[in-house]
């Protein structure tokens, strides 16, 4: 087992390199308000950001406030978000979230995590996307790329997103949480992909306990 201090130093070096590698990494969802970002993030579950942006470019012209979405017929909303997949559940979550914002939060998207988690369709990952991109708060965003990379890099042994978030928060300085999260997402898309990690192009392969396990690294000295 890796000593805690060694793990912390390795995690911080990984974060430093990846943040340097992807200096422009940030949330790619298009939005003009915390509420629009919350809607977009709910729609982004198991869907690409590009597809969500295509859908919301039209959707937000017709509805952009909790009042708009609360009034919109469910069938109409389902049709509007169909291209994002799981559209029935997503439309139901967006309407339920909008109604709760109006009833319990004066129509405003909350800031505190406990309040976010009361909203339909909102888990910690969704809340952290909004908290960091809309409010500028530090957050570890455990999307599928982050979860995969954190495991491969040996930064956590946990599988649950909330546990992984807690592990990484404990390892890294708070000011690196958000840029590191975005850098991990970009790195997961471009280099450390799910099916074929390009370890030969990885900026942190020498710090990764999984790098030598992949076929194209078998002959590496």
C-alpha atoms as a PDB file:
ATOM      1  CA  UNK A   1       0.000   0.000   0.000  1.00  0.00           C
ATOM      2  CA  UNK A   2       1.310   3.446  -0.944  1.00  0.00           C
ATOM      3  CA  UNK A   3       2.159   5.626   2.075  1.00  0.00           C
ATOM      4  CA  UNK A   4      -0.272   8.490   2.536  1.00  0.00           C
ATOM      5  CA  UNK A   5       2.342  11.207   2.122  1.00  0.00           C
ATOM      6  CA  UNK A   6       3.633   9.616  -1.087  1.00  0.00           C
ATOM      7  CA  UNK A   7       0.103   9.354  -2.436  1.00  0.00           C
ATOM      8  CA  UNK A   8      -0.555  13.001  -1.618  1.00  0.00           C
ATOM      9  CA  UNK A   9       2.645  14.148  -3.340  1.00  0.00           C
ATOM     10  CA  UNK A  10       1.903  12.024  -6.406  1.00  0.00           C
ATOM     11  CA  UNK A  11      -1.681  13.280  -6.609  1.00  0.00           C
ATOM     12  CA  UNK A  12      -0.535  16.887  -6.435  1.00  0.00           C
ATOM     13  CA  UNK A  13       2.066  16.358  -9.153  1.00  0.00           C
ATOM     14  CA  UNK A  14      -0.547  14.679 -11.361  1.00  0.00           C
ATOM     15  CA  UNK A  15      -2.875  17.614 -10.794  1.00  0.00           C
ATOM     16  CA  UNK A  16      -0.123  20.133 -11.531  1.00  0.00           C
ATOM     17  CA  UNK A  17       0.826  18.455 -14.815  1.00  0.00           C
ATOM     18  CA  UNK A  18      -2.722  17.935 -16.075  1.00  0.00           C
ATOM     19  CA  UNK A  19      -3.773  21.492 -15.235  1.00  0.00           C
ATOM     20  CA  UNK A  20      -0.716  22.688 -17.170  1.00  0.00           C
ATOM     21  CA  UNK A  21      -1.550  20.298 -20.036  1.00  0.00           C
ATOM     22  CA  UNK A  22      -5.128  21.608 -20.340  1.00  0.00           C
ATOM     23  CA  UNK A  23      -4.992  25.281 -19.302  1.00  0.00           C
ATOM     24  CA  UNK A  24      -8.253  26.124 -21.075  1.00  0.00           C
ATOM     25  CA  UNK A  25     -10.261  23.183 -19.725  1.00  0.00           C
ATOM     26  CA  UNK A  26     -13.645  24.298 -18.446  1.00  0.00           C
ATOM     27  CA  UNK A  27     -17.320  23.387 -18.523  1.00  0.00           C
ATOM     28  CA  UNK A  28     -18.403  23.040 -22.155  1.00  0.00           C
ATOM     29  CA  UNK A  29     -22.132  23.347 -21.567  1.00  0.00           C
ATOM     30  CA  UNK A  30     -23.640  26.570 -22.932  1.00  0.00           C
ATOM     31  CA  UNK A  31     -25.575  28.661 -20.406  1.00  0.00           C
ATOM     32  CA  UNK A  32     -26.369  32.239 -19.459  1.00  0.00           C
ATOM     33  CA  UNK A  33     -27.581  31.684 -15.896  1.00  0.00           C
ATOM     34  CA  UNK A  34     -27.146  29.187 -13.049  1.00  0.00           C
ATOM     35  CA  UNK A  35     -30.622  27.863 -13.828  1.00  0.00           C
ATOM     36  CA  UNK A  36     -29.827  27.210 -17.487  1.00  0.00           C
ATOM     37  CA  UNK A  37     -26.655  25.406 -16.444  1.00  0.00           C
ATOM     38  CA  UNK A  38     -28.609  23.273 -13.983  1.00  0.00           C
ATOM     39  CA  UNK A  39     -31.063  22.270 -16.717  1.00  0.00           C
ATOM     40  CA  UNK A  40     -28.218  21.554 -19.158  1.00  0.00           C
ATOM     41  CA  UNK A  41     -26.351  19.452 -16.603  1.00  0.00           C
ATOM     42  CA  UNK A  42     -29.416  17.340 -15.904  1.00  0.00           C
ATOM     43  CA  UNK A  43     -29.814  16.791 -19.657  1.00  0.00           C
ATOM     44  CA  UNK A  44     -26.116  15.926 -20.000  1.00  0.00           C
ATOM     45  CA  UNK A  45     -26.424  12.669 -18.074  1.00  0.00           C
ATOM     46  CA  UNK A  46     -25.255   9.904 -20.448  1.00  0.00           C
ATOM     47  CA  UNK A  47     -25.239  12.397 -23.308  1.00  0.00           C
ATOM     48  CA  UNK A  48     -22.512  14.465 -24.961  1.00  0.00           C
ATOM     49  CA  UNK A  49     -22.105  18.158 -24.204  1.00  0.00           C
ATOM     50  CA  UNK A  50     -22.306  18.899 -27.931  1.00  0.00           C
ATOM     51  CA  UNK A  51     -25.715  17.268 -28.210  1.00  0.00           C
ATOM     52  CA  UNK A  52     -26.983  19.031 -25.088  1.00  0.00           C
ATOM     53  CA  UNK A  53     -25.798  22.394 -26.445  1.00  0.00           C
ATOM     54  CA  UNK A  54     -27.595  21.689 -29.713  1.00  0.00           C
ATOM     55  CA  UNK A  55     -30.817  20.906 -27.832  1.00  0.00           C
ATOM     56  CA  UNK A  56     -30.622  23.829 -25.403  1.00  0.00           C
ATOM     57  CA  UNK A  57     -29.789  26.340 -28.148  1.00  0.00           C
ATOM     58  CA  UNK A  58     -33.408  25.975 -29.249  1.00  0.00           C
ATOM     59  CA  UNK A  59     -34.930  25.069 -25.890  1.00  0.00           C
ATOM     60  CA  UNK A  60     -33.630  28.123 -24.019  1.00  0.00           C
ATOM     61  CA  UNK A  61     -35.178  30.411 -26.637  1.00  0.00           C
ATOM     62  CA  UNK A  62     -38.575  29.082 -25.582  1.00  0.00           C
ATOM     63  CA  UNK A  63     -37.944  28.531 -21.876  1.00  0.00           C
ATOM     64  CA  UNK A  64     -35.133  29.817 -19.678  1.00  0.00           C
ATOM     65  CA  UNK A  65     -36.585  30.295 -16.179  1.00  0.00           C
ATOM     66  CA  UNK A  66     -38.116  28.001 -13.557  1.00  0.00           C
ATOM     67  CA  UNK A  67     -41.497  29.587 -14.307  1.00  0.00           C
ATOM     68  CA  UNK A  68     -41.166  28.732 -18.000  1.00  0.00           C
ATOM     69  CA  UNK A  69     -40.344  25.098 -17.367  1.00  0.00           C
ATOM     70  CA  UNK A  70     -42.946  24.667 -14.629  1.00  0.00           C
ATOM     71  CA  UNK A  71     -45.647  25.854 -17.070  1.00  0.00           C
ATOM     72  CA  UNK A  72     -44.441  23.855 -20.065  1.00  0.00           C
ATOM     73  CA  UNK A  73     -46.544  20.718 -20.725  1.00  0.00           C
ATOM     74  CA  UNK A  74     -44.573  17.587 -19.912  1.00  0.00           C
ATOM     75  CA  UNK A  75     -45.157  16.109 -23.366  1.00  0.00           C
ATOM     76  CA  UNK A  76     -43.782  19.253 -24.997  1.00  0.00           C
ATOM     77  CA  UNK A  77     -40.681  19.187 -22.817  1.00  0.00           C
ATOM     78  CA  UNK A  78     -40.160  15.489 -23.511  1.00  0.00           C
ATOM     79  CA  UNK A  79     -40.245  16.183 -27.236  1.00  0.00           C
ATOM     80  CA  UNK A  80     -37.786  19.077 -26.873  1.00  0.00           C
ATOM     81  CA  UNK A  81     -35.166  17.021 -24.985  1.00  0.00           C
ATOM     82  CA  UNK A  82     -35.721  13.681 -26.724  1.00  0.00           C
ATOM     83  CA  UNK A  83     -32.328  13.795 -28.488  1.00  0.00           C
ATOM     84  CA  UNK A  84     -30.474  13.748 -25.142  1.00  0.00           C
ATOM     85  CA  UNK A  85     -31.715  10.237 -24.304  1.00  0.00           C
ATOM     86  CA  UNK A  86     -33.713   9.093 -21.271  1.00  0.00           C
ATOM     87  CA  UNK A  87     -35.912  12.037 -22.155  1.00  0.00           C
ATOM     88  CA  UNK A  88     -38.928  11.032 -20.065  1.00  0.00           C
ATOM     89  CA  UNK A  89     -36.922  10.908 -16.833  1.00  0.00           C
ATOM     90  CA  UNK A  90     -34.998  14.054 -17.711  1.00  0.00           C
ATOM     91  CA  UNK A  91     -38.110  16.052 -18.579  1.00  0.00           C
ATOM     92  CA  UNK A  92     -39.769  14.923 -15.348  1.00  0.00           C
ATOM     93  CA  UNK A  93     -36.664  15.906 -13.351  1.00  0.00           C
ATOM     94  CA  UNK A  94     -36.411  19.340 -14.987  1.00  0.00           C
ATOM     95  CA  UNK A  95     -40.070  20.098 -14.316  1.00  0.00           C
ATOM     96  CA  UNK A  96     -39.875  18.823 -10.742  1.00  0.00           C
ATOM     97  CA  UNK A  97     -36.682  20.789 -10.107  1.00  0.00           C
ATOM     98  CA  UNK A  98     -38.239  23.958 -11.533  1.00  0.00           C
ATOM     99  CA  UNK A  99     -41.344  23.635  -9.365  1.00  0.00           C
ATOM    100  CA  UNK A 100     -39.276  23.061  -6.222  1.00  0.00           C
ATOM    101  CA  UNK A 101     -37.117  26.097  -6.965  1.00  0.00           C
ATOM    102  CA  UNK A 102     -40.276  28.204  -7.180  1.00  0.00           C
ATOM    103  CA  UNK A 103     -41.886  26.707  -4.089  1.00  0.00           C
ATOM    104  CA  UNK A 104     -38.874  26.395  -1.770  1.00  0.00           C
ATOM    105  CA  UNK A 105     -36.105  28.676  -3.086  1.00  0.00           C
ATOM    106  CA  UNK A 106     -37.897  31.764  -4.444  1.00  0.00           C
ATOM    107  CA  UNK A 107     -37.042  30.633  -7.956  1.00  0.00           C
ATOM    108  CA  UNK A 108     -33.302  30.832  -7.370  1.00  0.00           C
ATOM    109  CA  UNK A 109     -30.738  28.081  -7.824  1.00  0.00           C
ATOM    110  CA  UNK A 110     -29.209  27.411  -4.392  1.00  0.00           C
ATOM    111  CA  UNK A 111     -25.545  27.530  -3.529  1.00  0.00           C
ATOM    112  CA  UNK A 112     -25.297  25.042  -0.655  1.00  0.00           C
ATOM    113  CA  UNK A 113     -24.846  21.362  -1.453  1.00  0.00           C
ATOM    114  CA  UNK A 114     -27.551  20.243   0.992  1.00  0.00           C
ATOM    115  CA  UNK A 115     -30.078  22.421  -0.822  1.00  0.00           C
ATOM    116  CA  UNK A 116     -29.031  21.161  -4.236  1.00  0.00           C
ATOM    117  CA  UNK A 117     -29.537  17.572  -3.157  1.00  0.00           C
ATOM    118  CA  UNK A 118     -33.187  18.260  -2.347  1.00  0.00           C
ATOM    119  CA  UNK A 119     -33.910  18.992  -6.005  1.00  0.00           C
ATOM    120  CA  UNK A 120     -35.286  16.239  -8.275  1.00  0.00           C
ATOM    121  CA  UNK A 121     -32.687  14.869 -10.682  1.00  0.00           C
ATOM    122  CA  UNK A 122     -29.769  16.479  -8.858  1.00  0.00           C
ATOM    123  CA  UNK A 123     -26.924  14.479  -7.310  1.00  0.00           C
ATOM    124  CA  UNK A 124     -23.522  15.667  -6.106  1.00  0.00           C
ATOM    125  CA  UNK A 125     -21.900  15.620  -9.545  1.00  0.00           C
ATOM    126  CA  UNK A 126     -24.627  17.811 -11.046  1.00  0.00           C
ATOM    127  CA  UNK A 127     -24.511  20.157  -8.069  1.00  0.00           C
ATOM    128  CA  UNK A 128     -20.737  20.476  -8.276  1.00  0.00           C
ATOM    129  CA  UNK A 129     -20.857  21.352 -11.979  1.00  0.00           C
ATOM    130  CA  UNK A 130     -23.175  24.260 -11.195  1.00  0.00           C
ATOM    131  CA  UNK A 131     -21.370  25.285  -8.028  1.00  0.00           C
ATOM    132  CA  UNK A 132     -18.029  25.597  -9.802  1.00  0.00           C
ATOM    133  CA  UNK A 133     -19.058  26.815 -13.282  1.00  0.00           C
ATOM    134  CA  UNK A 134     -21.833  29.209 -12.247  1.00  0.00           C
ATOM    135  CA  UNK A 135     -20.729  30.267  -8.750  1.00  0.00           C
ATOM    136  CA  UNK A 136     -16.960  29.866  -8.926  1.00  0.00           C
ATOM    137  CA  UNK A 137     -16.802  27.534  -5.937  1.00  0.00           C
ATOM    138  CA  UNK A 138     -14.121  24.817  -5.673  1.00  0.00           C
ATOM    139  CA  UNK A 139     -15.396  21.323  -6.412  1.00  0.00           C
ATOM    140  CA  UNK A 140     -14.310  17.859  -7.464  1.00  0.00           C
ATOM    141  CA  UNK A 141     -16.610  16.783 -10.303  1.00  0.00           C
ATOM    142  CA  UNK A 142     -16.897  13.003 -10.429  1.00  0.00           C
ATOM    143  CA  UNK A 143     -18.120  12.435 -13.966  1.00  0.00           C
ATOM    144  CA  UNK A 144     -17.453   9.134 -15.736  1.00  0.00           C
ATOM    145  CA  UNK A 145     -14.056  10.277 -17.027  1.00  0.00           C
ATOM    146  CA  UNK A 146     -12.927  11.445 -13.593  1.00  0.00           C
ATOM    147  CA  UNK A 147     -14.026   8.210 -11.948  1.00  0.00           C
ATOM    148  CA  UNK A 148     -12.218   6.093 -14.541  1.00  0.00           C
ATOM    149  CA  UNK A 149      -8.986   8.102 -14.400  1.00  0.00           C
ATOM    150  CA  UNK A 150      -8.917   8.397 -10.615  1.00  0.00           C
ATOM    151  CA  UNK A 151      -9.043   4.608 -10.404  1.00  0.00           C
ATOM    152  CA  UNK A 152      -6.411   4.022 -13.078  1.00  0.00           C
ATOM    153  CA  UNK A 153      -4.106   6.573 -11.484  1.00  0.00           C
ATOM    154  CA  UNK A 154      -4.432   4.833  -8.135  1.00  0.00           C
ATOM    155  CA  UNK A 155      -5.745   7.963  -6.432  1.00  0.00           C
ATOM    156  CA  UNK A 156      -8.663   6.106  -4.865  1.00  0.00           C
ATOM    157  CA  UNK A 157      -9.831   2.551  -4.316  1.00  0.00           C
ATOM    158  CA  UNK A 158     -13.441   3.588  -3.945  1.00  0.00           C
ATOM    159  CA  UNK A 159     -16.084   3.094  -6.620  1.00  0.00           C
ATOM    160  CA  UNK A 160     -18.820   5.364  -5.283  1.00  0.00           C
ATOM    161  CA  UNK A 161     -18.689   8.923  -6.676  1.00  0.00           C
ATOM    162  CA  UNK A 162     -19.190  10.550  -3.259  1.00  0.00           C
ATOM    163  CA  UNK A 163     -16.342   8.512  -1.761  1.00  0.00           C
ATOM    164  CA  UNK A 164     -14.062   9.318  -4.700  1.00  0.00           C
ATOM    165  CA  UNK A 165     -14.887  13.001  -4.302  1.00  0.00           C
ATOM    166  CA  UNK A 166     -14.005  12.876  -0.613  1.00  0.00           C
ATOM    167  CA  UNK A 167     -10.734  11.022  -1.298  1.00  0.00           C
ATOM    168  CA  UNK A 168      -9.557  13.555  -3.870  1.00  0.00           C
ATOM    169  CA  UNK A 169     -10.627  16.531  -1.776  1.00  0.00           C
ATOM    170  CA  UNK A 170      -8.429  15.164   1.000  1.00  0.00           C
ATOM    171  CA  UNK A 171      -5.436  14.754  -1.313  1.00  0.00           C
ATOM    172  CA  UNK A 172      -5.466  18.053  -3.174  1.00  0.00           C
ATOM    173  CA  UNK A 173      -5.424  21.746  -2.245  1.00  0.00           C
ATOM    174  CA  UNK A 174      -8.871  23.296  -2.572  1.00  0.00           C
ATOM    175  CA  UNK A 175      -7.793  25.777  -5.253  1.00  0.00           C
ATOM    176  CA  UNK A 176      -6.920  22.888  -7.602  1.00  0.00           C
ATOM    177  CA  UNK A 177     -10.192  20.975  -7.291  1.00  0.00           C
ATOM    178  CA  UNK A 178     -12.088  22.648 -10.142  1.00  0.00           C
ATOM    179  CA  UNK A 179      -9.266  23.023 -12.709  1.00  0.00           C
ATOM    180  CA  UNK A 180      -8.126  19.465 -11.975  1.00  0.00           C
ATOM    181  CA  UNK A 181     -11.653  18.127 -12.472  1.00  0.00           C
ATOM    182  CA  UNK A 182     -11.949  19.798 -15.866  1.00  0.00           C
ATOM    183  CA  UNK A 183      -8.437  18.716 -16.871  1.00  0.00           C
ATOM    184  CA  UNK A 184      -9.265  15.102 -15.961  1.00  0.00           C
ATOM    185  CA  UNK A 185     -12.378  15.252 -18.131  1.00  0.00           C
ATOM    186  CA  UNK A 186     -10.411  16.606 -21.100  1.00  0.00           C
ATOM    187  CA  UNK A 187      -7.629  14.055 -20.540  1.00  0.00           C
ATOM    188  CA  UNK A 188     -10.172  11.240 -20.366  1.00  0.00           C
ATOM    189  CA  UNK A 189     -11.673  12.275 -23.687  1.00  0.00           C
ATOM    190  CA  UNK A 190      -8.401  12.907 -25.521  1.00  0.00           C
ATOM    191  CA  UNK A 191      -5.831  10.481 -24.089  1.00  0.00           C
ATOM    192  CA  UNK A 192      -6.922   8.142 -21.302  1.00  0.00           C
ATOM    193  CA  UNK A 193      -9.990   6.862 -23.095  1.00  0.00           C
ATOM    194  CA  UNK A 194     -12.125   4.005 -21.837  1.00  0.00           C
ATOM    195  CA  UNK A 195     -11.198   1.430 -24.494  1.00  0.00           C
ATOM    196  CA  UNK A 196      -7.704   2.373 -25.632  1.00  0.00           C
ATOM    197  CA  UNK A 197      -5.636   4.614 -23.336  1.00  0.00           C
ATOM    198  CA  UNK A 198      -2.829   6.356 -25.223  1.00  0.00           C
ATOM    199  CA  UNK A 199      -0.241   5.958 -22.468  1.00  0.00           C
ATOM    200  CA  UNK A 200       2.547   6.923 -24.891  1.00  0.00           C
ATOM    201  CA  UNK A 201       0.978  10.396 -25.139  1.00  0.00           C
ATOM    202  CA  UNK A 202       0.108  10.772 -21.468  1.00  0.00           C
ATOM    203  CA  UNK A 203       1.672  13.585 -19.452  1.00  0.00           C
ATOM    204  CA  UNK A 204       1.422  11.560 -16.240  1.00  0.00           C
ATOM    205  CA  UNK A 205       2.181   7.996 -17.412  1.00  0.00           C
ATOM    206  CA  UNK A 206       5.296   7.854 -15.232  1.00  0.00           C
ATOM    207  CA  UNK A 207       3.076   8.544 -12.214  1.00  0.00           C
ATOM    208  CA  UNK A 208       0.363   6.058 -13.195  1.00  0.00           C
ATOM    209  CA  UNK A 209       0.429   2.521 -11.739  1.00  0.00           C
ATOM    210  CA  UNK A 210      -1.802   1.305 -14.580  1.00  0.00           C
ATOM    211  CA  UNK A 211       0.290   2.564 -17.507  1.00  0.00           C
ATOM    212  CA  UNK A 212       2.477  -0.548 -17.816  1.00  0.00           C
ATOM    213  CA  UNK A 213      -0.568  -2.814 -17.873  1.00  0.00           C
ATOM    214  CA  UNK A 214      -1.663  -1.686 -21.315  1.00  0.00           C
ATOM    215  CA  UNK A 215      -0.406  -3.670 -24.369  1.00  0.00           C
ATOM    216  CA  UNK A 216       1.466  -0.840 -26.087  1.00  0.00           C
ATOM    217  CA  UNK A 217       3.577  -0.392 -22.938  1.00  0.00           C
ATOM    218  CA  UNK A 218       4.731  -4.023 -22.673  1.00  0.00           C
ATOM    219  CA  UNK A 219       8.169  -3.286 -24.114  1.00  0.00           C
ATOM    220  CA  UNK A 220       8.721  -0.104 -22.152  1.00  0.00           C
ATOM    221  CA  UNK A 221      11.937  -0.340 -20.021  1.00  0.00           C
END
